[in-house]
Every structure is written in C-alpha cells, then in structure tokens.
Amino acid sequence: MKRTIITGLLPLGALLLGATASAQEQRSAEEAAAAEQPAALLPDEQTQTTTEETRPNLVSETPERLWDIASTAYINGNYHEAVEAYEQLAARGLSSAKLYYNLANAYFKEEQLGRAILFYRRALRIDPGSVDARYNLSVAEARTKDNIEQVPEFFLTSWFRAIRQAMNCTVWSILSLVSLACGLGAILLCLLAQRLSWRKTGFYGALAALTIFFVTTCFAAGERRSMLDRSEAVVMSSSASVKSAPDRSATDLFVLHEGTSVRITDRLDPWCEVTIADGKKGWVESSKIETI
C-alpha cells in the first residue's frame, strides 16, 4: 500500500518540476526579449533626444551657414543658440564690428552684462563710429551695479577724441593719403605756375592740405593704437575684490562687479593692477577680468 502511494506521487512531482522549469524558461525568454528592445523614453527624454537630433553640428558648418543659424536663432528668441553660433565664428578667427555687435546683443538678451559690454567695446574698436553699438553699450553699462564717477578731463581732449572716434583707422588713413596727394599737387602748382595768383593758390593750398594730412595721420595713428591697446578690460566675475597688493591675504580696498570697465596698469601673474574711472587703483585676479 505504501509503495502504491509513493509510486503515485512520483509522476506528480515530475509534473510539478517540469511545470516550474517551463515557467522559468518562458520567463528567461521574455527577459531576454525585453533586454533586446530599447527602453521606452519619458516625455522629457523624448523631447531632449529630438532636440539633440535636430540641433545642427556647429563645428562642421561653414561660416555662411553659421551666420544664418545665428541670425535665425536670434530672430526666434533662441539667444543661447545664437551665442553659440556667433562664438563659433569668433573662435575660427573671424572678426568684424557686425559680428561683435550681434554677439553682444545676444549676450545682453541672455542677461550676461559682462560679456555684452565686452563685445560692444570690441565692436567699437573696429567701428568707433557705430551709433547703435555706442547706444547699446550705454544701456548695458547703466545696468551694472557700480556707479563710478569719471574724473573730468580737459574739454579739448574730449572734443578731439570724439572727432577721432567718428571714423575708424582705415578711413583716417585714406583721408591722410588723399590730403598728402593734394598737398604735393599744390606744391607743384606753386613751383611751376607762371602767374603769381596761381602760385599763391598753390602755396596756401599746400599749407592747408599738409595741415589736414598731419591731423588725419595723428587720428589714424591714435585709432590704430587704440585698436592694439591691451590695457582696457571688463570685469567678468559677479564680484571681484580689489586688493592693496597682489596677494589674497592683502587688504580689500573695494569691490567691482560684472560689467565694470577698468584699465590695466601693471601685471604680475596671476594678478593685474587696475585703475577705474575715478582714479582708484588696486590689484585684482586676472581670471576675473578679460581684456577688450
């Protein structure tokens, strides 16, 4: 009787073991199939993936295409992409007043005042007569935290600087060459003319032309010197402590904030001695400012 019960249980145990093995095999097959299939993306991940796939590769684009991408992005309000495209153009060694002006506008829209002021000033170095860049610069500087009163200067100095900045170095150079040619022509007229009236005309004309040549040459040299000047800088950090010596443990004299313009008077890596518009000076870390 006992043998019958035990014998009867063996087929049932084998059946249970077989069912368990089949279930495990089916589960393993489903897990393997699930592992081969890509996981479903969340809505945010799907949007991010789509954006990354449709976003252009700026590094491989041509300069003309980069300019179109930047302009389109700016018009559509995508200022971050516009900044990236314009910066890619600048990183390739391309420079123009229009490029720096557009880049400054994009940075201004991104509320990065320091970089906006930096590129407005770079645009004005190339084209000092740009009314739009000068106006936008004044708007950006009005939003900076530092209100520094400028030391008054002699009115003739301001007057001559305003005249010089009305045109860039190239234009002044062309005017100086034209005036030199006119002066040489007037000298020849003075020397070769038969009539006394023509000689007087040539003499006074030569004086006037040579005077204009001297002035325009000075203006051209001044603008070129301004373009090559590496002493002007803009504070890039949100705040920068100006020290009494090039040492972090030195006394804090005052604090400058993002967008403030300074003039570098001395360098001692990694420090720069700077002077602000009211005449105060001190030492600041080089990493917190960027030259124009």
C-alpha atoms as a PDB file:
ATOM      1  CA  MET A   1       0.000   0.000   0.000  1.00  0.00           C
ATOM      2  CA  LYS A   2       2.776   2.361   0.877  1.00  0.00           C
ATOM      3  CA  ARG A   3       4.589   1.520  -2.319  1.00  0.00           C
ATOM      4  CA  THR A   4       1.498   2.440  -4.278  1.00  0.00           C
ATOM      5  CA  ILE A   5       1.296   5.906  -2.687  1.00  0.00           C
ATOM      6  CA  ILE A   6       4.966   6.634  -3.265  1.00  0.00           C
ATOM      7  CA  THR A   7       4.819   5.410  -6.796  1.00  0.00           C
ATOM      8  CA  GLY A   8       1.772   7.518  -7.409  1.00  0.00           C
ATOM      9  CA  LEU A   9       3.488  10.642  -6.117  1.00  0.00           C
ATOM     10  CA  LEU A  10       6.485  10.398  -8.425  1.00  0.00           C
ATOM     11  CA  PRO A  11       4.659  11.324 -11.619  1.00  0.00           C
ATOM     12  CA  LEU A  12       3.025  14.284  -9.823  1.00  0.00           C
ATOM     13  CA  GLY A  13       6.405  15.571  -8.562  1.00  0.00           C
ATOM     14  CA  ALA A  14       7.909  15.254 -12.002  1.00  0.00           C
ATOM     15  CA  LEU A  15       4.938  17.143 -13.436  1.00  0.00           C
ATOM     16  CA  LEU A  16       5.392  19.980 -10.925  1.00  0.00           C
ATOM     17  CA  LEU A  17       9.105  20.150 -11.597  1.00  0.00           C
ATOM     18  CA  GLY A  18       8.506  20.191 -15.335  1.00  0.00           C
ATOM     19  CA  ALA A  19       5.919  22.982 -14.995  1.00  0.00           C
ATOM     20  CA  THR A  20       8.305  25.011 -12.860  1.00  0.00           C
ATOM     21  CA  ALA A  21      11.135  24.550 -15.360  1.00  0.00           C
ATOM     22  CA  SER A  22       8.863  25.560 -18.253  1.00  0.00           C
ATOM     23  CA  ALA A  23       7.774  28.687 -16.392  1.00  0.00           C
ATOM     24  CA  GLN A  24      11.372  29.635 -15.669  1.00  0.00           C
ATOM     25  CA  GLU A  25      12.389  29.099 -19.298  1.00  0.00           C
ATOM     26  CA  GLN A  26       9.461  31.239 -20.504  1.00  0.00           C
ATOM     27  CA  ARG A  27      10.356  33.974 -18.019  1.00  0.00           C
ATOM     28  CA  SER A  28      14.026  33.911 -19.127  1.00  0.00           C
ATOM     29  CA  ALA A  29      12.970  34.153 -22.772  1.00  0.00           C
ATOM     30  CA  GLU A  30      10.732  37.168 -22.019  1.00  0.00           C
ATOM     31  CA  GLU A  31      13.536  38.894 -20.085  1.00  0.00           C
ATOM     32  CA  ALA A  32      15.971  38.297 -22.947  1.00  0.00           C
ATOM     33  CA  ALA A  33      13.493  39.683 -25.445  1.00  0.00           C
ATOM     34  CA  ALA A  34      12.869  42.703 -23.216  1.00  0.00           C
ATOM     35  CA  ALA A  35      16.604  43.306 -22.895  1.00  0.00           C
ATOM     36  CA  GLU A  36      17.000  43.389 -26.663  1.00  0.00           C
ATOM     37  CA  GLN A  37      14.244  46.019 -27.056  1.00  0.00           C
ATOM     38  CA  PRO A  38      15.104  49.703 -26.256  1.00  0.00           C
ATOM     39  CA  ALA A  39      13.597  51.108 -23.111  1.00  0.00           C
ATOM     40  CA  ALA A  40      10.675  53.495 -23.538  1.00  0.00           C
ATOM     41  CA  LEU A  41      11.635  57.146 -23.068  1.00  0.00           C
ATOM     42  CA  LEU A  42       9.869  59.524 -20.746  1.00  0.00           C
ATOM     43  CA  PRO A  43       8.221  62.585 -22.406  1.00  0.00           C
ATOM     44  CA  ASP A  44      11.063  64.912 -21.287  1.00  0.00           C
ATOM     45  CA  GLU A  45      13.678  62.453 -22.524  1.00  0.00           C
ATOM     46  CA  GLN A  46      11.893  62.135 -25.853  1.00  0.00           C
ATOM     47  CA  THR A  47      11.860  65.938 -26.253  1.00  0.00           C
ATOM     48  CA  GLN A  48      15.532  66.200 -25.330  1.00  0.00           C
ATOM     49  CA  THR A  49      16.505  63.437 -27.752  1.00  0.00           C
ATOM     50  CA  THR A  50      14.512  65.048 -30.552  1.00  0.00           C
ATOM     51  CA  THR A  51      16.103  68.426 -29.864  1.00  0.00           C
ATOM     52  CA  GLU A  52      19.615  66.968 -29.864  1.00  0.00           C
ATOM     53  CA  GLU A  53      18.970  65.106 -33.113  1.00  0.00           C
ATOM     54  CA  THR A  54      17.606  68.175 -34.897  1.00  0.00           C
ATOM     55  CA  ARG A  55      20.215  70.570 -33.482  1.00  0.00           C
ATOM     56  CA  PRO A  56      22.885  71.408 -36.077  1.00  0.00           C
ATOM     57  CA  ASN A  57      26.522  70.489 -35.543  1.00  0.00           C
ATOM     58  CA  LEU A  58      28.046  73.960 -35.391  1.00  0.00           C
ATOM     59  CA  VAL A  59      31.637  72.769 -35.606  1.00  0.00           C
ATOM     60  CA  SER A  60      31.171  71.284 -39.071  1.00  0.00           C
ATOM     61  CA  GLU A  61      29.153  74.174 -40.508  1.00  0.00           C
ATOM     62  CA  THR A  62      30.542  76.749 -42.943  1.00  0.00           C
ATOM     63  CA  PRO A  63      30.860  80.378 -41.794  1.00  0.00           C
ATOM     64  CA  GLU A  64      27.961  81.414 -44.050  1.00  0.00           C
ATOM     65  CA  ARG A  65      25.772  78.678 -42.612  1.00  0.00           C
ATOM     66  CA  LEU A  66      26.795  79.586 -39.060  1.00  0.00           C
ATOM     67  CA  TRP A  67      25.814  83.188 -39.665  1.00  0.00           C
ATOM     68  CA  ASP A  68      22.388  82.098 -40.952  1.00  0.00           C
ATOM     69  CA  ILE A  69      21.898  79.768 -37.975  1.00  0.00           C
ATOM     70  CA  ALA A  70      22.822  82.519 -35.514  1.00  0.00           C
ATOM     71  CA  SER A  71      20.588  85.122 -37.166  1.00  0.00           C
ATOM     72  CA  THR A  72      17.629  82.740 -37.340  1.00  0.00           C
ATOM     73  CA  ALA A  73      18.101  81.686 -33.711  1.00  0.00           C
ATOM     74  CA  TYR A  74      18.233  85.323 -32.582  1.00  0.00           C
ATOM     75  CA  ILE A  75      15.073  86.213 -34.513  1.00  0.00           C
ATOM     76  CA  ASN A  76      13.279  83.199 -32.997  1.00  0.00           C
ATOM     77  CA  GLY A  77      14.332  84.209 -29.490  1.00  0.00           C
ATOM     78  CA  ASN A  78      16.777  81.311 -29.062  1.00  0.00           C
ATOM     79  CA  TYR A  79      19.560  83.548 -27.789  1.00  0.00           C
ATOM     80  CA  HIS A  80      21.644  80.725 -26.314  1.00  0.00           C
ATOM     81  CA  GLU A  81      21.991  79.032 -29.702  1.00  0.00           C
ATOM     82  CA  ALA A  82      22.706  82.394 -31.323  1.00  0.00           C
ATOM     83  CA  VAL A  83      25.538  82.968 -28.835  1.00  0.00           C
ATOM     84  CA  GLU A  84      26.998  79.537 -29.578  1.00  0.00           C
ATOM     85  CA  ALA A  85      26.925  80.102 -33.341  1.00  0.00           C
ATOM     86  CA  TYR A  86      28.455  83.597 -33.125  1.00  0.00           C
ATOM     87  CA  GLU A  87      31.113  82.342 -30.693  1.00  0.00           C
ATOM     88  CA  GLN A  88      31.953  79.552 -33.121  1.00  0.00           C
ATOM     89  CA  LEU A  89      32.564  82.194 -35.801  1.00  0.00           C
ATOM     90  CA  ALA A  90      34.781  84.183 -33.442  1.00  0.00           C
ATOM     91  CA  ALA A  91      36.667  81.013 -32.435  1.00  0.00           C
ATOM     92  CA  ARG A  92      37.615  80.499 -36.088  1.00  0.00           C
ATOM     93  CA  GLY A  93      39.494  83.787 -36.078  1.00  0.00           C
ATOM     94  CA  LEU A  94      36.775  85.792 -37.841  1.00  0.00           C
ATOM     95  CA  SER A  95      36.173  89.292 -36.555  1.00  0.00           C
ATOM     96  CA  SER A  96      34.064  92.238 -37.602  1.00  0.00           C
ATOM     97  CA  ALA A  97      32.147  95.016 -35.930  1.00  0.00           C
ATOM     98  CA  LYS A  98      28.861  93.436 -37.015  1.00  0.00           C
ATOM     99  CA  LEU A  99      29.794  90.034 -35.575  1.00  0.00           C
ATOM    100  CA  TYR A 100      30.793  91.504 -32.214  1.00  0.00           C
ATOM    101  CA  TYR A 101      27.722  93.751 -32.170  1.00  0.00           C
ATOM    102  CA  ASN A 102      25.320  90.848 -32.807  1.00  0.00           C
ATOM    103  CA  LEU A 103      27.120  88.679 -30.270  1.00  0.00           C
ATOM    104  CA  ALA A 104      26.871  91.463 -27.688  1.00  0.00           C
ATOM    105  CA  ASN A 105      23.139  91.791 -28.350  1.00  0.00           C
ATOM    106  CA  ALA A 106      22.661  88.043 -27.855  1.00  0.00           C
ATOM    107  CA  TYR A 107      24.616  88.127 -24.592  1.00  0.00           C
ATOM    108  CA  PHE A 108      22.568  91.123 -23.453  1.00  0.00           C
ATOM    109  CA  LYS A 109      19.366  89.155 -24.096  1.00  0.00           C
ATOM    110  CA  GLU A 110      20.874  86.300 -22.064  1.00  0.00           C
ATOM    111  CA  GLU A 111      21.445  88.851 -19.244  1.00  0.00           C
ATOM    112  CA  GLN A 112      25.211  88.336 -19.292  1.00  0.00           C
ATOM    113  CA  LEU A 113      26.149  92.000 -18.901  1.00  0.00           C
ATOM    114  CA  GLY A 114      29.881  91.440 -18.608  1.00  0.00           C
ATOM    115  CA  ARG A 115      30.229  89.665 -21.945  1.00  0.00           C
ATOM    116  CA  ALA A 116      27.727  92.023 -23.599  1.00  0.00           C
ATOM    117  CA  ILE A 117      29.772  95.082 -22.592  1.00  0.00           C
ATOM    118  CA  LEU A 118      32.988  93.313 -23.620  1.00  0.00           C
ATOM    119  CA  PHE A 119      31.773  92.666 -27.166  1.00  0.00           C
ATOM    120  CA  TYR A 120      30.133  96.088 -27.541  1.00  0.00           C
ATOM    121  CA  ARG A 121      33.536  97.595 -26.786  1.00  0.00           C
ATOM    122  CA  ARG A 122      35.251  95.232 -29.212  1.00  0.00           C
ATOM    123  CA  ALA A 123      32.770  96.263 -31.899  1.00  0.00           C
ATOM    124  CA  LEU A 124      33.505  99.929 -31.197  1.00  0.00           C
ATOM    125  CA  ARG A 125      37.232  99.314 -31.532  1.00  0.00           C
ATOM    126  CA  ILE A 126      36.701  98.164 -35.094  1.00  0.00           C
ATOM    127  CA  ASP A 127      33.992 100.698 -35.909  1.00  0.00           C
ATOM    128  CA  PRO A 128      34.142 103.576 -33.402  1.00  0.00           C
ATOM    129  CA  GLY A 129      31.508 105.492 -35.347  1.00  0.00           C
ATOM    130  CA  SER A 130      28.779 102.884 -34.762  1.00  0.00           C
ATOM    131  CA  VAL A 131      25.940 104.805 -33.150  1.00  0.00           C
ATOM    132  CA  ASP A 132      23.928 101.649 -32.364  1.00  0.00           C
ATOM    133  CA  ALA A 133      26.820  99.922 -30.588  1.00  0.00           C
ATOM    134  CA  ARG A 134      27.614 103.039 -28.551  1.00  0.00           C
ATOM    135  CA  TYR A 135      23.963 103.470 -27.536  1.00  0.00           C
ATOM    136  CA  ASN A 136      23.533  99.803 -26.589  1.00  0.00           C
ATOM    137  CA  LEU A 137      26.778  99.976 -24.622  1.00  0.00           C
ATOM    138  CA  SER A 138      25.418 102.887 -22.597  1.00  0.00           C
ATOM    139  CA  VAL A 139      22.212 100.920 -21.908  1.00  0.00           C
ATOM    140  CA  ALA A 140      24.185  97.874 -20.766  1.00  0.00           C
ATOM    141  CA  GLU A 141      26.540  99.926 -18.582  1.00  0.00           C
ATOM    142  CA  ALA A 142      23.544 101.615 -16.938  1.00  0.00           C
ATOM    143  CA  ARG A 143      22.504  98.189 -15.610  1.00  0.00           C
ATOM    144  CA  THR A 144      25.804  97.472 -13.880  1.00  0.00           C
ATOM    145  CA  LYS A 145      25.991  97.695 -10.098  1.00  0.00           C
ATOM    146  CA  ASP A 146      28.990 100.019  -9.909  1.00  0.00           C
ATOM    147  CA  ASN A 147      28.254 103.733 -10.259  1.00  0.00           C
ATOM    148  CA  ILE A 148      31.710 105.242 -10.742  1.00  0.00           C
ATOM    149  CA  GLU A 149      32.118 108.970 -11.320  1.00  0.00           C
ATOM    150  CA  GLN A 150      34.671 109.663 -14.037  1.00  0.00           C
ATOM    151  CA  VAL A 151      37.475 112.112 -13.416  1.00  0.00           C
ATOM    152  CA  PRO A 152      36.757 115.214 -15.545  1.00  0.00           C
ATOM    153  CA  GLU A 153      39.212 115.880 -18.359  1.00  0.00           C
ATOM    154  CA  PHE A 154      40.121 118.917 -20.412  1.00  0.00           C
ATOM    155  CA  PHE A 155      37.334 119.730 -22.875  1.00  0.00           C
ATOM    156  CA  LEU A 156      39.679 119.854 -25.882  1.00  0.00           C
ATOM    157  CA  THR A 157      40.825 116.303 -25.129  1.00  0.00           C
ATOM    158  CA  SER A 158      37.229 115.093 -25.123  1.00  0.00           C
ATOM    159  CA  TRP A 159      36.491 117.065 -28.275  1.00  0.00           C
ATOM    160  CA  PHE A 160      39.434 115.664 -30.221  1.00  0.00           C
ATOM    161  CA  ARG A 161      38.644 112.132 -29.039  1.00  0.00           C
ATOM    162  CA  ALA A 162      35.050 112.471 -30.217  1.00  0.00           C
ATOM    163  CA  ILE A 163      36.244 113.626 -33.648  1.00  0.00           C
ATOM    164  CA  ARG A 164      38.798 110.823 -33.853  1.00  0.00           C
ATOM    165  CA  GLN A 165      36.217 108.190 -32.935  1.00  0.00           C
ATOM    166  CA  ALA A 166      33.841 109.414 -35.626  1.00  0.00           C
ATOM    167  CA  MET A 167      35.713 107.199 -38.130  1.00  0.00           C
ATOM    168  CA  ASN A 168      37.944 104.160 -37.931  1.00  0.00           C
ATOM    169  CA  CYS A 169      41.656 103.848 -38.628  1.00  0.00           C
ATOM    170  CA  THR A 170      41.196 102.837 -42.281  1.00  0.00           C
ATOM    171  CA  VAL A 171      39.116 105.879 -43.172  1.00  0.00           C
ATOM    172  CA  TRP A 172      41.530 108.263 -41.459  1.00  0.00           C
ATOM    173  CA  SER A 173      44.439 106.641 -43.309  1.00  0.00           C
ATOM    174  CA  ILE A 174      42.710 107.103 -46.664  1.00  0.00           C
ATOM    175  CA  LEU A 175      41.984 110.743 -45.875  1.00  0.00           C
ATOM    176  CA  SER A 176      45.596 111.339 -44.905  1.00  0.00           C
ATOM    177  CA  LEU A 177      46.847 109.854 -48.193  1.00  0.00           C
ATOM    178  CA  VAL A 178      44.383 111.932 -50.205  1.00  0.00           C
ATOM    179  CA  SER A 179      45.408 115.112 -48.390  1.00  0.00           C
ATOM    180  CA  LEU A 180      49.084 114.276 -48.959  1.00  0.00           C
ATOM    181  CA  ALA A 181      48.464 113.848 -52.686  1.00  0.00           C
ATOM    182  CA  CYS A 182      46.600 117.169 -52.782  1.00  0.00           C
ATOM    183  CA  GLY A 183      49.437 118.854 -50.898  1.00  0.00           C
ATOM    184  CA  LEU A 184      52.043 117.542 -53.347  1.00  0.00           C
ATOM    185  CA  GLY A 185      49.904 118.728 -56.243  1.00  0.00           C
ATOM    186  CA  ALA A 186      49.579 122.179 -54.676  1.00  0.00           C
ATOM    187  CA  ILE A 187      53.360 122.351 -54.208  1.00  0.00           C
ATOM    188  CA  LEU A 188      53.906 121.539 -57.889  1.00  0.00           C
ATOM    189  CA  LEU A 189      51.387 124.225 -58.814  1.00  0.00           C
ATOM    190  CA  CYS A 190      53.232 126.722 -56.640  1.00  0.00           C
ATOM    191  CA  LEU A 191      56.587 125.883 -58.219  1.00  0.00           C
ATOM    192  CA  LEU A 192      55.571 125.543 -61.860  1.00  0.00           C
ATOM    193  CA  ALA A 193      52.786 128.082 -62.309  1.00  0.00           C
ATOM    194  CA  GLN A 194      53.636 131.172 -64.363  1.00  0.00           C
ATOM    195  CA  ARG A 195      51.087 133.515 -62.865  1.00  0.00           C
ATOM    196  CA  LEU A 196      51.571 134.901 -59.364  1.00  0.00           C
ATOM    197  CA  SER A 197      47.936 134.282 -58.385  1.00  0.00           C
ATOM    198  CA  TRP A 198      48.293 130.565 -59.200  1.00  0.00           C
ATOM    199  CA  ARG A 199      51.485 130.386 -57.168  1.00  0.00           C
ATOM    200  CA  LYS A 200      49.750 131.913 -54.164  1.00  0.00           C
ATOM    201  CA  THR A 201      46.856 129.479 -54.593  1.00  0.00           C
ATOM    202  CA  GLY A 202      49.283 126.569 -54.716  1.00  0.00           C
ATOM    203  CA  PHE A 203      51.188 127.837 -51.673  1.00  0.00           C
ATOM    204  CA  TYR A 204      48.138 128.277 -49.431  1.00  0.00           C
ATOM    205  CA  GLY A 205      46.580 125.093 -50.791  1.00  0.00           C
ATOM    206  CA  ALA A 206      49.738 123.170 -49.902  1.00  0.00           C
ATOM    207  CA  LEU A 207      49.662 124.587 -46.370  1.00  0.00           C
ATOM    208  CA  ALA A 208      46.015 123.592 -45.902  1.00  0.00           C
ATOM    209  CA  ALA A 209      46.482 120.106 -47.397  1.00  0.00           C
ATOM    210  CA  LEU A 210      49.587 119.372 -45.355  1.00  0.00           C
ATOM    211  CA  THR A 211      47.843 120.547 -42.187  1.00  0.00           C
ATOM    212  CA  ILE A 212      44.951 118.181 -42.905  1.00  0.00           C
ATOM    213  CA  PHE A 213      47.465 115.431 -43.644  1.00  0.00           C
ATOM    214  CA  PHE A 214      49.127 115.955 -40.264  1.00  0.00           C
ATOM    215  CA  VAL A 215      45.822 115.916 -38.353  1.00  0.00           C
ATOM    216  CA  THR A 216      44.369 112.885 -40.152  1.00  0.00           C
ATOM    217  CA  THR A 217      47.637 110.986 -39.732  1.00  0.00           C
ATOM    218  CA  CYS A 218      47.531 111.664 -35.987  1.00  0.00           C
ATOM    219  CA  PHE A 219      43.913 110.480 -35.853  1.00  0.00           C
ATOM    220  CA  ALA A 220      44.761 107.324 -37.823  1.00  0.00           C
ATOM    221  CA  ALA A 221      47.706 106.584 -35.541  1.00  0.00           C
ATOM    222  CA  GLY A 222      45.539 107.187 -32.475  1.00  0.00           C
ATOM    223  CA  GLU A 223      42.842 104.821 -33.686  1.00  0.00           C
ATOM    224  CA  ARG A 224      45.378 102.156 -34.560  1.00  0.00           C
ATOM    225  CA  ARG A 225      46.965 102.485 -31.139  1.00  0.00           C
ATOM    226  CA  SER A 226      43.526 102.174 -29.574  1.00  0.00           C
ATOM    227  CA  MET A 227      42.788  99.022 -31.603  1.00  0.00           C
ATOM    228  CA  LEU A 228      46.033  97.384 -30.485  1.00  0.00           C
ATOM    229  CA  ASP A 229      45.748  98.544 -26.885  1.00  0.00           C
ATOM    230  CA  ARG A 230      45.539  95.610 -24.457  1.00  0.00           C
ATOM    231  CA  SER A 231      45.246  97.668 -21.284  1.00  0.00           C
ATOM    232  CA  GLU A 232      41.446  98.005 -21.227  1.00  0.00           C
ATOM    233  CA  ALA A 233      39.425  95.211 -19.653  1.00  0.00           C
ATOM    234  CA  VAL A 234      35.966  94.347 -18.338  1.00  0.00           C
ATOM    235  CA  VAL A 235      35.107  92.572 -15.087  1.00  0.00           C
ATOM    236  CA  MET A 236      33.609  89.160 -15.907  1.00  0.00           C
ATOM    237  CA  SER A 237      33.006  87.860 -12.397  1.00  0.00           C
ATOM    238  CA  SER A 238      29.840  88.712 -10.478  1.00  0.00           C
ATOM    239  CA  SER A 239      32.104  90.389  -7.911  1.00  0.00           C
ATOM    240  CA  ALA A 240      35.843  90.947  -7.745  1.00  0.00           C
ATOM    241  CA  SER A 241      37.713  92.168  -4.677  1.00  0.00           C
ATOM    242  CA  VAL A 242      40.399  94.739  -5.435  1.00  0.00           C
ATOM    243  CA  LYS A 243      43.384  94.212  -3.128  1.00  0.00           C
ATOM    244  CA  SER A 244      46.097  96.548  -1.886  1.00  0.00           C
ATOM    245  CA  ALA A 245      48.751  94.066  -3.081  1.00  0.00           C
ATOM    246  CA  PRO A 246      48.917  91.054  -5.414  1.00  0.00           C
ATOM    247  CA  ASP A 247      48.098  88.637  -2.616  1.00  0.00           C
ATOM    248  CA  ARG A 248      44.820  87.067  -1.498  1.00  0.00           C
ATOM    249  CA  SER A 249      45.616  87.872   2.106  1.00  0.00           C
ATOM    250  CA  ALA A 250      46.070  91.588   1.312  1.00  0.00           C
ATOM    251  CA  THR A 251      43.587  94.233   2.398  1.00  0.00           C
ATOM    252  CA  ASP A 252      40.392  94.659   0.364  1.00  0.00           C
ATOM    253  CA  LEU A 253      40.245  98.209  -0.999  1.00  0.00           C
ATOM    254  CA  PHE A 254      36.910  97.998  -2.825  1.00  0.00           C
ATOM    255  CA  VAL A 255      34.756  95.571  -4.788  1.00  0.00           C
ATOM    256  CA  LEU A 256      33.958  95.684  -8.502  1.00  0.00           C
ATOM    257  CA  HIS A 257      31.028  93.939 -10.146  1.00  0.00           C
ATOM    258  CA  GLU A 258      30.295  92.383 -13.514  1.00  0.00           C
ATOM    259  CA  GLY A 259      30.480  94.741 -16.483  1.00  0.00           C
ATOM    260  CA  THR A 260      32.690  97.429 -14.926  1.00  0.00           C
ATOM    261  CA  SER A 261      35.419  98.702 -17.240  1.00  0.00           C
ATOM    262  CA  VAL A 262      38.969  99.020 -15.886  1.00  0.00           C
ATOM    263  CA  ARG A 263      42.406  99.921 -17.211  1.00  0.00           C
ATOM    264  CA  ILE A 264      45.321  97.581 -16.583  1.00  0.00           C
ATOM    265  CA  THR A 265      48.421  99.468 -15.441  1.00  0.00           C
ATOM    266  CA  ASP A 266      50.634  96.559 -14.367  1.00  0.00           C
ATOM    267  CA  ARG A 267      50.725  92.757 -14.489  1.00  0.00           C
ATOM    268  CA  LEU A 268      52.099  90.188 -12.073  1.00  0.00           C
ATOM    269  CA  ASP A 269      50.699  86.741 -12.841  1.00  0.00           C
ATOM    270  CA  PRO A 270      48.120  85.821 -11.775  1.00  0.00           C
ATOM    271  CA  TRP A 271      47.277  89.421 -10.785  1.00  0.00           C
ATOM    272  CA  CYS A 272      46.682  92.711 -12.590  1.00  0.00           C
ATOM    273  CA  GLU A 273      46.891  96.215 -11.223  1.00  0.00           C
ATOM    274  CA  VAL A 274      43.816  98.095 -12.443  1.00  0.00           C
ATOM    275  CA  THR A 275      42.624 101.690 -12.366  1.00  0.00           C
ATOM    276  CA  ILE A 276      38.938 102.638 -12.526  1.00  0.00           C
ATOM    277  CA  ALA A 277      37.356 105.796 -13.921  1.00  0.00           C
ATOM    278  CA  ASP A 278      37.526 107.779 -10.663  1.00  0.00           C
ATOM    279  CA  GLY A 279      41.279 107.195 -10.322  1.00  0.00           C
ATOM    280  CA  LYS A 280      41.240 104.457  -7.672  1.00  0.00           C
ATOM    281  CA  LYS A 281      43.602 101.552  -8.255  1.00  0.00           C
ATOM    282  CA  GLY A 282      44.405  98.161  -6.804  1.00  0.00           C
ATOM    283  CA  TRP A 283      45.177  94.540  -7.632  1.00  0.00           C
ATOM    284  CA  VAL A 284      42.648  92.033  -8.946  1.00  0.00           C
ATOM    285  CA  GLU A 285      42.974  88.432 -10.070  1.00  0.00           C
ATOM    286  CA  SER A 286      43.494  88.106 -13.823  1.00  0.00           C
ATOM    287  CA  SER A 287      40.870  85.347 -14.093  1.00  0.00           C
ATOM    288  CA  LYS A 288      38.131  87.785 -13.054  1.00  0.00           C
ATOM    289  CA  ILE A 289      38.664  90.248 -15.894  1.00  0.00           C
ATOM    290  CA  GLU A 290      39.031  89.954 -19.668  1.00  0.00           C
ATOM    291  CA  THR A 291      40.862  92.347 -21.959  1.00  0.00           C
ATOM    292  CA  ILE A 292      38.912  94.045 -24.726  1.00  0.00           C
END
